[in-house]
Amino acid sequence: MAVRLLMVSHASTDAVRDAAFPLDEPLDTGGEAKARALAASLRRVDAAWSSPALRARQTAVALGLDAATDPVLRDIDLGRWAGQSFDAVRSSEPDAVEKWITNTDAAPHGGESIADLLGRVGPWLEALRAQEGRQEGRIVAVSHPAVIRAAVILAIDAKPTAFWRIDIAPLCRVSLRGTHAGWTLRSIG
């Protein structure tokens, strides 16, 4: 039996709308309403997890999930850039932004690199896949675009440099299937 994992990106926040690096902000009114509307489309859920971030926990609640928090699902650590707009950071530190986008080992903001994020998400996915045959039903994890991108990269064994080529919008759903042979990307919607 396969492990079925549905990863859901948290709903919109002011930082998402303003193209800013997030802090631990709440959902905006529209994001919460959209998450509540999406709840009806979720089929049976047998286990649910959420990032400990407020925006992810609020999304899980709006989706009607009784989700346990898992620190592995936390957003990428953006160091000193957290809370600033992308444009402001790009204006003040253009070389650092370019390095971060082109070098998956770089963390010029003082937080996590993309490689660090992949190193955090990979063991979580493998532990989940190891539950094959013991974990029945459907698992839902509410997290962040960066974490979900990392899961997709790992599932399809893509190069880490493909990270920025995966667009994960608020409330995007990514379906993965884990078997003894590895992970498969089923859908992005």
N, C-alpha and C. Protein backbone atom coordinates (compact mmCIF):
# COMPACT_ATOMS: atom_id res chain seq x y z
N MET A 1 0.84 -1.19 0.00
CA MET A 1 0.00 0.00 0.00
C MET A 1 0.88 1.25 0.00
N ALA A 2 0.49 2.24 -0.72
CA ALA A 2 1.25 3.47 -0.85
C ALA A 2 0.84 4.49 0.22
N VAL A 3 1.76 5.36 0.53
CA VAL A 3 1.49 6.50 1.39
C VAL A 3 1.00 7.62 0.48
N ARG A 4 -0.15 8.17 0.78
CA ARG A 4 -0.70 9.29 0.00
C ARG A 4 -0.58 10.57 0.81
N LEU A 5 0.15 11.51 0.27
CA LEU A 5 0.42 12.77 0.97
C LEU A 5 -0.10 13.92 0.13
N LEU A 6 -0.96 14.73 0.72
CA LEU A 6 -1.43 15.96 0.10
C LEU A 6 -0.80 17.12 0.86
N MET A 7 0.03 17.89 0.18
CA MET A 7 0.64 19.06 0.79
C MET A 7 -0.15 20.29 0.32
N VAL A 8 -0.53 21.13 1.28
CA VAL A 8 -1.32 22.32 0.98
C VAL A 8 -0.52 23.53 1.44
N SER A 9 -0.35 24.48 0.54
CA SER A 9 0.31 25.73 0.89
C SER A 9 -0.66 26.61 1.69
N HIS A 10 -0.13 27.28 2.70
CA HIS A 10 -1.00 28.14 3.52
C HIS A 10 -1.71 29.17 2.66
N ALA A 11 -2.83 29.66 3.16
CA ALA A 11 -3.60 30.68 2.46
C ALA A 11 -2.87 32.02 2.48
N SER A 12 -3.40 33.00 1.77
CA SER A 12 -2.72 34.28 1.60
C SER A 12 -2.64 35.10 2.90
N THR A 13 -1.61 35.90 2.93
CA THR A 13 -1.34 36.82 4.04
C THR A 13 -0.97 38.17 3.44
N ASP A 14 -0.81 39.17 4.28
CA ASP A 14 -0.36 40.48 3.78
C ASP A 14 1.00 40.37 3.10
N ALA A 15 1.91 39.56 3.66
CA ALA A 15 3.24 39.42 3.07
C ALA A 15 3.16 38.80 1.68
N VAL A 16 2.29 37.82 1.49
CA VAL A 16 2.12 37.21 0.17
C VAL A 16 1.63 38.27 -0.81
N ARG A 17 0.63 39.02 -0.41
CA ARG A 17 0.06 40.04 -1.28
C ARG A 17 1.06 41.15 -1.60
N ASP A 18 1.94 41.46 -0.65
CA ASP A 18 2.90 42.56 -0.82
C ASP A 18 4.25 42.10 -1.36
N ALA A 19 4.37 40.82 -1.72
CA ALA A 19 5.65 40.26 -2.20
C ALA A 19 6.77 40.54 -1.20
N ALA A 20 6.52 40.17 0.04
CA ALA A 20 7.50 40.38 1.10
C ALA A 20 7.93 39.04 1.68
N PHE A 21 9.12 39.04 2.25
CA PHE A 21 9.57 37.86 2.98
C PHE A 21 8.78 37.82 4.28
N PRO A 22 8.11 36.71 4.58
CA PRO A 22 7.16 36.70 5.69
C PRO A 22 7.79 36.66 7.07
N LEU A 23 7.00 37.16 8.01
CA LEU A 23 7.22 36.94 9.43
C LEU A 23 6.14 35.95 9.85
N ASP A 24 5.83 35.86 11.11
CA ASP A 24 4.79 34.92 11.55
C ASP A 24 3.45 35.64 11.58
N GLU A 25 2.96 36.02 10.41
CA GLU A 25 1.74 36.81 10.32
C GLU A 25 0.51 35.93 10.13
N PRO A 26 -0.67 36.48 10.46
CA PRO A 26 -1.92 35.74 10.29
C PRO A 26 -2.38 35.77 8.83
N LEU A 27 -3.39 34.96 8.55
CA LEU A 27 -4.02 34.98 7.24
C LEU A 27 -4.74 36.30 7.04
N ASP A 28 -4.86 36.74 5.80
CA ASP A 28 -5.72 37.88 5.53
C ASP A 28 -7.15 37.38 5.39
N THR A 29 -8.10 38.27 5.39
CA THR A 29 -9.52 37.89 5.36
C THR A 29 -9.86 37.04 4.14
N GLY A 30 -9.36 37.44 2.99
CA GLY A 30 -9.63 36.68 1.77
C GLY A 30 -9.03 35.29 1.82
N GLY A 31 -7.83 35.17 2.36
CA GLY A 31 -7.17 33.88 2.45
C GLY A 31 -7.92 32.91 3.34
N GLU A 32 -8.39 33.41 4.46
CA GLU A 32 -9.15 32.55 5.37
C GLU A 32 -10.46 32.08 4.72
N ALA A 33 -11.13 32.98 4.02
CA ALA A 33 -12.39 32.62 3.35
C ALA A 33 -12.15 31.58 2.26
N LYS A 34 -11.09 31.74 1.51
CA LYS A 34 -10.77 30.78 0.45
C LYS A 34 -10.42 29.41 1.04
N ALA A 35 -9.72 29.40 2.17
CA ALA A 35 -9.39 28.12 2.82
C ALA A 35 -10.66 27.43 3.31
N ARG A 36 -11.56 28.19 3.88
CA ARG A 36 -12.84 27.60 4.33
C ARG A 36 -13.61 27.01 3.14
N ALA A 37 -13.59 27.71 2.02
CA ALA A 37 -14.28 27.20 0.82
C ALA A 37 -13.62 25.93 0.29
N LEU A 38 -12.31 25.84 0.42
CA LEU A 38 -11.58 24.66 -0.06
C LEU A 38 -11.84 23.44 0.82
N ALA A 39 -12.18 23.67 2.07
CA ALA A 39 -12.38 22.57 3.03
C ALA A 39 -13.36 21.53 2.50
N ALA A 40 -14.40 21.96 1.84
CA ALA A 40 -15.41 21.03 1.35
C ALA A 40 -14.87 20.08 0.29
N SER A 41 -13.80 20.47 -0.39
CA SER A 41 -13.25 19.61 -1.44
C SER A 41 -12.27 18.56 -0.92
N LEU A 42 -11.85 18.72 0.33
CA LEU A 42 -10.94 17.71 0.89
C LEU A 42 -11.73 16.44 1.19
N ARG A 43 -11.23 15.36 0.69
CA ARG A 43 -11.88 14.10 1.00
C ARG A 43 -11.41 13.63 2.37
N ARG A 44 -11.69 12.41 2.69
CA ARG A 44 -11.31 11.87 4.00
C ARG A 44 -9.84 12.15 4.31
N VAL A 45 -9.58 12.58 5.51
CA VAL A 45 -8.23 12.84 5.98
C VAL A 45 -8.00 11.98 7.21
N ASP A 46 -6.97 11.15 7.16
CA ASP A 46 -6.70 10.24 8.27
C ASP A 46 -5.63 10.74 9.22
N ALA A 47 -4.77 11.62 8.74
CA ALA A 47 -3.74 12.23 9.60
C ALA A 47 -3.42 13.59 9.01
N ALA A 48 -3.17 14.57 9.87
CA ALA A 48 -2.86 15.92 9.38
C ALA A 48 -1.76 16.53 10.23
N TRP A 49 -0.88 17.25 9.54
CA TRP A 49 0.19 18.01 10.19
C TRP A 49 0.19 19.42 9.65
N SER A 50 0.78 20.30 10.42
CA SER A 50 0.90 21.69 10.03
C SER A 50 2.24 22.23 10.47
N SER A 51 2.72 23.19 9.73
CA SER A 51 3.85 23.98 10.18
C SER A 51 3.44 24.67 11.48
N PRO A 52 4.37 24.99 12.35
CA PRO A 52 4.01 25.72 13.57
C PRO A 52 3.69 27.20 13.32
N ALA A 53 3.93 27.70 12.12
CA ALA A 53 3.66 29.12 11.83
C ALA A 53 2.17 29.41 11.91
N LEU A 54 1.85 30.60 12.41
CA LEU A 54 0.46 31.00 12.59
C LEU A 54 -0.34 30.86 11.30
N ARG A 55 0.20 31.31 10.17
CA ARG A 55 -0.53 31.26 8.90
C ARG A 55 -0.85 29.84 8.47
N ALA A 56 0.03 28.90 8.77
CA ALA A 56 -0.22 27.50 8.43
C ALA A 56 -1.24 26.88 9.39
N ARG A 57 -1.11 27.18 10.67
CA ARG A 57 -2.07 26.64 11.65
C ARG A 57 -3.47 27.18 11.38
N GLN A 58 -3.58 28.48 11.05
CA GLN A 58 -4.89 29.05 10.74
C GLN A 58 -5.47 28.43 9.46
N THR A 59 -4.62 28.13 8.50
CA THR A 59 -5.09 27.47 7.28
C THR A 59 -5.62 26.09 7.62
N ALA A 60 -4.91 25.34 8.43
CA ALA A 60 -5.35 24.00 8.82
C ALA A 60 -6.71 24.06 9.51
N VAL A 61 -6.89 25.01 10.40
CA VAL A 61 -8.18 25.16 11.08
C VAL A 61 -9.27 25.50 10.08
N ALA A 62 -8.99 26.44 9.18
CA ALA A 62 -9.99 26.83 8.18
C ALA A 62 -10.35 25.66 7.26
N LEU A 63 -9.40 24.76 7.05
CA LEU A 63 -9.65 23.57 6.23
C LEU A 63 -10.39 22.49 7.02
N GLY A 64 -10.61 22.73 8.31
CA GLY A 64 -11.31 21.76 9.15
C GLY A 64 -10.44 20.61 9.60
N LEU A 65 -9.13 20.82 9.62
CA LEU A 65 -8.19 19.76 10.00
C LEU A 65 -7.82 19.87 11.48
N ASP A 66 -7.70 18.74 12.11
CA ASP A 66 -7.16 18.67 13.47
C ASP A 66 -5.69 18.29 13.31
N ALA A 67 -4.88 19.28 12.99
CA ALA A 67 -3.49 19.04 12.60
C ALA A 67 -2.52 19.20 13.77
N ALA A 68 -1.64 18.23 13.89
CA ALA A 68 -0.54 18.33 14.84
C ALA A 68 0.55 19.17 14.18
N THR A 69 1.26 19.98 14.97
CA THR A 69 2.34 20.77 14.38
C THR A 69 3.61 19.94 14.31
N ASP A 70 4.37 20.19 13.25
CA ASP A 70 5.65 19.52 13.05
C ASP A 70 6.67 20.58 12.65
N PRO A 71 7.71 20.79 13.46
CA PRO A 71 8.68 21.84 13.16
C PRO A 71 9.41 21.64 11.83
N VAL A 72 9.47 20.43 11.33
CA VAL A 72 10.11 20.20 10.04
C VAL A 72 9.37 20.93 8.92
N LEU A 73 8.08 21.14 9.10
CA LEU A 73 7.26 21.79 8.08
C LEU A 73 7.33 23.32 8.13
N ARG A 74 8.16 23.88 9.03
CA ARG A 74 8.28 25.34 9.15
C ARG A 74 8.85 25.92 7.84
N ASP A 75 8.59 27.19 7.64
CA ASP A 75 9.07 27.88 6.45
C ASP A 75 10.59 27.96 6.46
N ILE A 76 11.15 28.22 5.28
CA ILE A 76 12.59 28.43 5.19
C ILE A 76 12.97 29.63 6.05
N ASP A 77 14.07 29.53 6.75
CA ASP A 77 14.55 30.62 7.60
C ASP A 77 15.20 31.66 6.70
N LEU A 78 14.60 32.84 6.65
CA LEU A 78 15.08 33.91 5.78
C LEU A 78 15.97 34.92 6.49
N GLY A 79 16.39 34.58 7.71
CA GLY A 79 17.34 35.42 8.44
C GLY A 79 16.92 36.86 8.51
N ARG A 80 17.85 37.76 8.23
CA ARG A 80 17.58 39.20 8.38
C ARG A 80 16.64 39.75 7.31
N TRP A 81 16.32 38.97 6.27
CA TRP A 81 15.39 39.44 5.24
C TRP A 81 13.93 39.31 5.67
N ALA A 82 13.65 38.50 6.69
CA ALA A 82 12.27 38.29 7.12
C ALA A 82 11.61 39.62 7.45
N GLY A 83 10.40 39.81 6.93
CA GLY A 83 9.63 41.02 7.18
C GLY A 83 9.88 42.15 6.19
N GLN A 84 10.85 41.99 5.30
CA GLN A 84 11.15 43.01 4.31
C GLN A 84 10.55 42.64 2.96
N SER A 85 10.28 43.63 2.14
CA SER A 85 9.78 43.34 0.80
C SER A 85 10.93 42.83 -0.07
N PHE A 86 10.56 42.00 -1.03
CA PHE A 86 11.56 41.49 -1.96
C PHE A 86 12.24 42.64 -2.70
N ASP A 87 11.45 43.62 -3.13
CA ASP A 87 12.02 44.75 -3.86
C ASP A 87 13.02 45.54 -3.02
N ALA A 88 12.72 45.73 -1.73
CA ALA A 88 13.64 46.47 -0.85
C ALA A 88 14.95 45.71 -0.68
N VAL A 89 14.85 44.40 -0.50
CA VAL A 89 16.07 43.59 -0.33
C VAL A 89 16.86 43.57 -1.64
N ARG A 90 16.16 43.40 -2.75
CA ARG A 90 16.84 43.37 -4.05
C ARG A 90 17.51 44.71 -4.33
N SER A 91 16.90 45.80 -3.89
CA SER A 91 17.48 47.12 -4.09
C SER A 91 18.72 47.34 -3.21
N SER A 92 18.65 46.90 -1.97
CA SER A 92 19.76 47.13 -1.04
C SER A 92 20.87 46.08 -1.12
N GLU A 93 20.53 44.87 -1.54
CA GLU A 93 21.51 43.78 -1.60
C GLU A 93 21.38 42.98 -2.91
N PRO A 94 21.53 43.64 -4.05
CA PRO A 94 21.29 42.93 -5.32
C PRO A 94 22.20 41.72 -5.52
N ASP A 95 23.46 41.83 -5.13
CA ASP A 95 24.38 40.70 -5.31
C ASP A 95 24.00 39.53 -4.41
N ALA A 96 23.55 39.83 -3.19
CA ALA A 96 23.14 38.78 -2.26
C ALA A 96 21.90 38.06 -2.77
N VAL A 97 20.93 38.79 -3.31
CA VAL A 97 19.72 38.17 -3.85
C VAL A 97 20.08 37.29 -5.04
N GLU A 98 20.92 37.79 -5.92
CA GLU A 98 21.35 37.01 -7.09
C GLU A 98 22.06 35.72 -6.65
N LYS A 99 22.92 35.84 -5.66
CA LYS A 99 23.64 34.66 -5.15
C LYS A 99 22.66 33.65 -4.57
N TRP A 100 21.67 34.12 -3.81
CA TRP A 100 20.68 33.22 -3.19
C TRP A 100 19.86 32.49 -4.24
N ILE A 101 19.50 33.19 -5.30
CA ILE A 101 18.66 32.60 -6.35
C ILE A 101 19.45 31.64 -7.24
N THR A 102 20.73 31.87 -7.41
CA THR A 102 21.51 31.05 -8.34
C THR A 102 22.37 29.98 -7.68
N ASN A 103 22.58 30.07 -6.38
CA ASN A 103 23.44 29.11 -5.68
C ASN A 103 22.65 28.48 -4.54
N THR A 104 22.28 27.22 -4.68
CA THR A 104 21.43 26.58 -3.68
C THR A 104 22.13 26.37 -2.33
N ASP A 105 23.44 26.56 -2.29
CA ASP A 105 24.17 26.45 -1.02
C ASP A 105 24.30 27.79 -0.31
N ALA A 106 23.89 28.87 -0.96
CA ALA A 106 24.07 30.21 -0.41
C ALA A 106 22.95 30.58 0.56
N ALA A 107 23.33 31.29 1.60
CA ALA A 107 22.36 31.83 2.57
C ALA A 107 22.84 33.22 2.99
N PRO A 108 22.86 34.16 2.04
CA PRO A 108 23.39 35.49 2.36
C PRO A 108 22.56 36.27 3.38
N HIS A 109 21.36 35.81 3.64
CA HIS A 109 20.48 36.46 4.62
C HIS A 109 20.76 35.99 6.03
N GLY A 110 21.62 34.97 6.17
CA GLY A 110 21.96 34.45 7.49
C GLY A 110 21.03 33.37 7.99
N GLY A 111 20.10 32.92 7.15
CA GLY A 111 19.17 31.84 7.51
C GLY A 111 19.55 30.54 6.83
N GLU A 112 18.56 29.86 6.30
CA GLU A 112 18.80 28.58 5.62
C GLU A 112 19.03 28.77 4.13
N SER A 113 19.88 27.92 3.59
CA SER A 113 20.03 27.85 2.14
C SER A 113 18.97 26.89 1.60
N ILE A 114 18.82 26.86 0.30
CA ILE A 114 17.91 25.90 -0.33
C ILE A 114 18.42 24.48 -0.04
N ALA A 115 19.73 24.29 -0.08
CA ALA A 115 20.30 22.97 0.23
C ALA A 115 19.97 22.56 1.66
N ASP A 116 20.03 23.50 2.60
CA ASP A 116 19.66 23.20 3.99
C ASP A 116 18.19 22.79 4.08
N LEU A 117 17.33 23.51 3.36
CA LEU A 117 15.91 23.18 3.36
C LEU A 117 15.67 21.78 2.80
N LEU A 118 16.31 21.45 1.69
CA LEU A 118 16.18 20.11 1.12
C LEU A 118 16.66 19.05 2.11
N GLY A 119 17.74 19.37 2.82
CA GLY A 119 18.26 18.45 3.83
C GLY A 119 17.33 18.26 5.01
N ARG A 120 16.49 19.23 5.28
CA ARG A 120 15.50 19.12 6.35
C ARG A 120 14.27 18.35 5.90
N VAL A 121 13.78 18.63 4.69
CA VAL A 121 12.55 18.01 4.20
C VAL A 121 12.76 16.56 3.77
N GLY A 122 13.92 16.24 3.23
CA GLY A 122 14.20 14.89 2.74
C GLY A 122 14.00 13.79 3.78
N PRO A 123 14.61 13.90 4.95
CA PRO A 123 14.41 12.87 5.97
C PRO A 123 12.95 12.76 6.43
N TRP A 124 12.23 13.89 6.46
CA TRP A 124 10.82 13.86 6.83
C TRP A 124 10.03 13.04 5.82
N LEU A 125 10.27 13.28 4.54
CA LEU A 125 9.58 12.51 3.50
C LEU A 125 9.93 11.02 3.59
N GLU A 126 11.20 10.73 3.80
CA GLU A 126 11.61 9.32 3.87
C GLU A 126 11.02 8.61 5.09
N ALA A 127 10.93 9.31 6.21
CA ALA A 127 10.30 8.71 7.40
C ALA A 127 8.83 8.44 7.13
N LEU A 128 8.19 9.35 6.44
CA LEU A 128 6.78 9.17 6.09
C LEU A 128 6.61 7.99 5.13
N ARG A 129 7.49 7.90 4.15
CA ARG A 129 7.42 6.81 3.18
C ARG A 129 7.69 5.47 3.86
N ALA A 130 8.51 5.46 4.88
CA ALA A 130 8.80 4.24 5.62
C ALA A 130 7.56 3.69 6.32
N GLN A 131 6.53 4.53 6.45
CA GLN A 131 5.27 4.10 7.06
C GLN A 131 4.41 3.31 6.08
N GLU A 132 4.86 3.16 4.83
CA GLU A 132 4.08 2.43 3.83
C GLU A 132 3.64 1.09 4.40
N GLY A 133 2.38 0.82 4.28
CA GLY A 133 1.83 -0.43 4.80
C GLY A 133 1.37 -0.32 6.24
N ARG A 134 1.90 0.65 6.98
CA ARG A 134 1.49 0.85 8.37
C ARG A 134 0.62 2.10 8.49
N GLN A 135 0.82 3.06 7.60
CA GLN A 135 0.06 4.31 7.62
C GLN A 135 -0.99 4.24 6.52
N GLU A 136 -2.22 4.01 6.91
CA GLU A 136 -3.27 3.89 5.91
C GLU A 136 -4.00 5.20 5.73
N GLY A 137 -4.58 5.36 4.57
CA GLY A 137 -5.41 6.52 4.33
C GLY A 137 -4.66 7.68 3.75
N ARG A 138 -5.20 8.83 3.98
CA ARG A 138 -4.72 10.05 3.35
C ARG A 138 -4.13 10.98 4.39
N ILE A 139 -2.94 11.48 4.10
CA ILE A 139 -2.23 12.38 5.00
C ILE A 139 -2.21 13.77 4.37
N VAL A 140 -2.49 14.78 5.16
CA VAL A 140 -2.46 16.16 4.69
C VAL A 140 -1.44 16.92 5.53
N ALA A 141 -0.59 17.70 4.86
CA ALA A 141 0.38 18.55 5.53
C ALA A 141 0.23 19.98 5.02
N VAL A 142 -0.05 20.90 5.94
CA VAL A 142 -0.17 22.32 5.59
C VAL A 142 1.16 22.98 5.89
N SER A 143 1.74 23.57 4.86
CA SER A 143 3.07 24.14 5.02
C SER A 143 3.23 25.39 4.17
N HIS A 144 4.42 25.62 3.67
CA HIS A 144 4.79 26.85 2.98
C HIS A 144 5.28 26.54 1.57
N PRO A 145 5.20 27.51 0.67
CA PRO A 145 5.66 27.26 -0.69
C PRO A 145 7.08 26.69 -0.77
N ALA A 146 8.01 27.21 0.02
CA ALA A 146 9.39 26.72 -0.04
C ALA A 146 9.48 25.25 0.35
N VAL A 147 8.78 24.86 1.38
CA VAL A 147 8.81 23.47 1.84
C VAL A 147 8.17 22.56 0.80
N ILE A 148 7.09 23.00 0.20
CA ILE A 148 6.41 22.19 -0.81
C ILE A 148 7.27 22.08 -2.06
N ARG A 149 7.93 23.18 -2.47
CA ARG A 149 8.87 23.10 -3.59
C ARG A 149 9.96 22.07 -3.30
N ALA A 150 10.48 22.11 -2.10
CA ALA A 150 11.53 21.15 -1.72
C ALA A 150 11.01 19.72 -1.83
N ALA A 151 9.78 19.47 -1.38
CA ALA A 151 9.21 18.13 -1.46
C ALA A 151 9.07 17.68 -2.91
N VAL A 152 8.66 18.59 -3.78
CA VAL A 152 8.53 18.25 -5.20
C VAL A 152 9.90 17.91 -5.79
N ILE A 153 10.90 18.74 -5.51
CA ILE A 153 12.26 18.49 -6.00
C ILE A 153 12.72 17.10 -5.58
N LEU A 154 12.50 16.78 -4.30
CA LEU A 154 12.93 15.48 -3.77
C LEU A 154 12.12 14.33 -4.37
N ALA A 155 10.82 14.53 -4.55
CA ALA A 155 9.96 13.46 -5.07
C ALA A 155 10.34 13.08 -6.49
N ILE A 156 10.66 14.06 -7.30
CA ILE A 156 10.95 13.75 -8.70
C ILE A 156 12.45 13.68 -8.98
N ASP A 157 13.25 13.77 -7.92
CA ASP A 157 14.70 13.67 -8.03
C ASP A 157 15.26 14.70 -9.01
N ALA A 158 14.73 15.92 -8.92
CA ALA A 158 15.18 17.01 -9.79
C ALA A 158 16.42 17.66 -9.20
N LYS A 159 17.09 18.42 -10.02
CA LYS A 159 18.24 19.19 -9.56
C LYS A 159 17.75 20.27 -8.59
N PRO A 160 18.48 20.54 -7.53
CA PRO A 160 18.07 21.60 -6.60
C PRO A 160 17.89 22.95 -7.27
N THR A 161 18.61 23.20 -8.36
CA THR A 161 18.49 24.49 -9.06
C THR A 161 17.10 24.68 -9.67
N ALA A 162 16.30 23.61 -9.78
CA ALA A 162 14.93 23.73 -10.30
C ALA A 162 13.97 24.32 -9.27
N PHE A 163 14.44 24.52 -8.06
CA PHE A 163 13.61 25.03 -6.96
C PHE A 163 12.80 26.26 -7.36
N TRP A 164 13.44 27.22 -7.99
CA TRP A 164 12.79 28.49 -8.33
C TRP A 164 11.86 28.37 -9.54
N ARG A 165 11.83 27.23 -10.19
CA ARG A 165 10.98 27.03 -11.37
C ARG A 165 9.65 26.38 -11.02
N ILE A 166 9.41 26.20 -9.75
CA ILE A 166 8.15 25.60 -9.29
C ILE A 166 7.35 26.70 -8.60
N ASP A 167 6.19 26.99 -9.14
CA ASP A 167 5.34 28.05 -8.58
C ASP A 167 4.30 27.42 -7.66
N ILE A 168 4.33 27.78 -6.40
CA ILE A 168 3.37 27.29 -5.40
C ILE A 168 2.63 28.50 -4.85
N ALA A 169 1.38 28.64 -5.26
CA ALA A 169 0.55 29.77 -4.84
C ALA A 169 -0.15 29.45 -3.51
N PRO A 170 -0.75 30.45 -2.89
CA PRO A 170 -1.54 30.17 -1.68
C PRO A 170 -2.62 29.11 -1.97
N LEU A 171 -2.75 28.18 -1.06
CA LEU A 171 -3.71 27.07 -1.12
C LEU A 171 -3.46 26.10 -2.27
N CYS A 172 -2.28 26.17 -2.87
CA CYS A 172 -1.91 25.19 -3.89
C CYS A 172 -1.85 23.81 -3.23
N ARG A 173 -2.33 22.81 -3.94
CA ARG A 173 -2.32 21.45 -3.42
C ARG A 173 -1.39 20.59 -4.27
N VAL A 174 -0.48 19.89 -3.62
CA VAL A 174 0.46 19.01 -4.29
C VAL A 174 0.25 17.60 -3.74
N SER A 175 -0.05 16.69 -4.64
CA SER A 175 -0.31 15.31 -4.25
C SER A 175 0.91 14.45 -4.58
N LEU A 176 1.40 13.74 -3.56
CA LEU A 176 2.55 12.85 -3.70
C LEU A 176 2.15 11.45 -3.28
N ARG A 177 2.82 10.47 -3.85
CA ARG A 177 2.56 9.06 -3.50
C ARG A 177 3.90 8.41 -3.22
N GLY A 178 4.00 7.81 -2.03
CA GLY A 178 5.24 7.16 -1.63
C GLY A 178 5.08 5.65 -1.56
N THR A 179 5.99 4.95 -2.20
CA THR A 179 6.01 3.48 -2.15
C THR A 179 7.43 3.03 -1.83
N HIS A 180 7.62 1.72 -1.79
CA HIS A 180 8.97 1.19 -1.54
C HIS A 180 9.97 1.69 -2.59
N ALA A 181 9.49 2.04 -3.77
CA ALA A 181 10.36 2.49 -4.86
C ALA A 181 10.71 3.98 -4.78
N GLY A 182 10.02 4.74 -3.94
CA GLY A 182 10.28 6.17 -3.82
C GLY A 182 9.00 6.97 -3.90
N TRP A 183 9.15 8.26 -4.13
CA TRP A 183 8.02 9.18 -4.22
C TRP A 183 7.68 9.47 -5.67
N THR A 184 6.40 9.70 -5.91
CA THR A 184 5.90 10.08 -7.23
C THR A 184 5.06 11.33 -7.06
N LEU A 185 5.23 12.27 -7.97
CA LEU A 185 4.39 13.46 -8.01
C LEU A 185 3.13 13.09 -8.76
N ARG A 186 1.98 13.19 -8.10
CA ARG A 186 0.71 12.84 -8.73
C ARG A 186 0.05 14.05 -9.37
N SER A 187 0.07 15.20 -8.69
CA SER A 187 -0.56 16.38 -9.27
C SER A 187 -0.16 17.63 -8.50
N ILE A 188 -0.26 18.76 -9.22
CA ILE A 188 -0.12 20.09 -8.61
C ILE A 188 -1.34 20.87 -9.05
N GLY A 189 -2.09 21.39 -8.09
CA GLY A 189 -3.29 22.13 -8.47
C GLY A 189 -3.66 23.18 -7.47
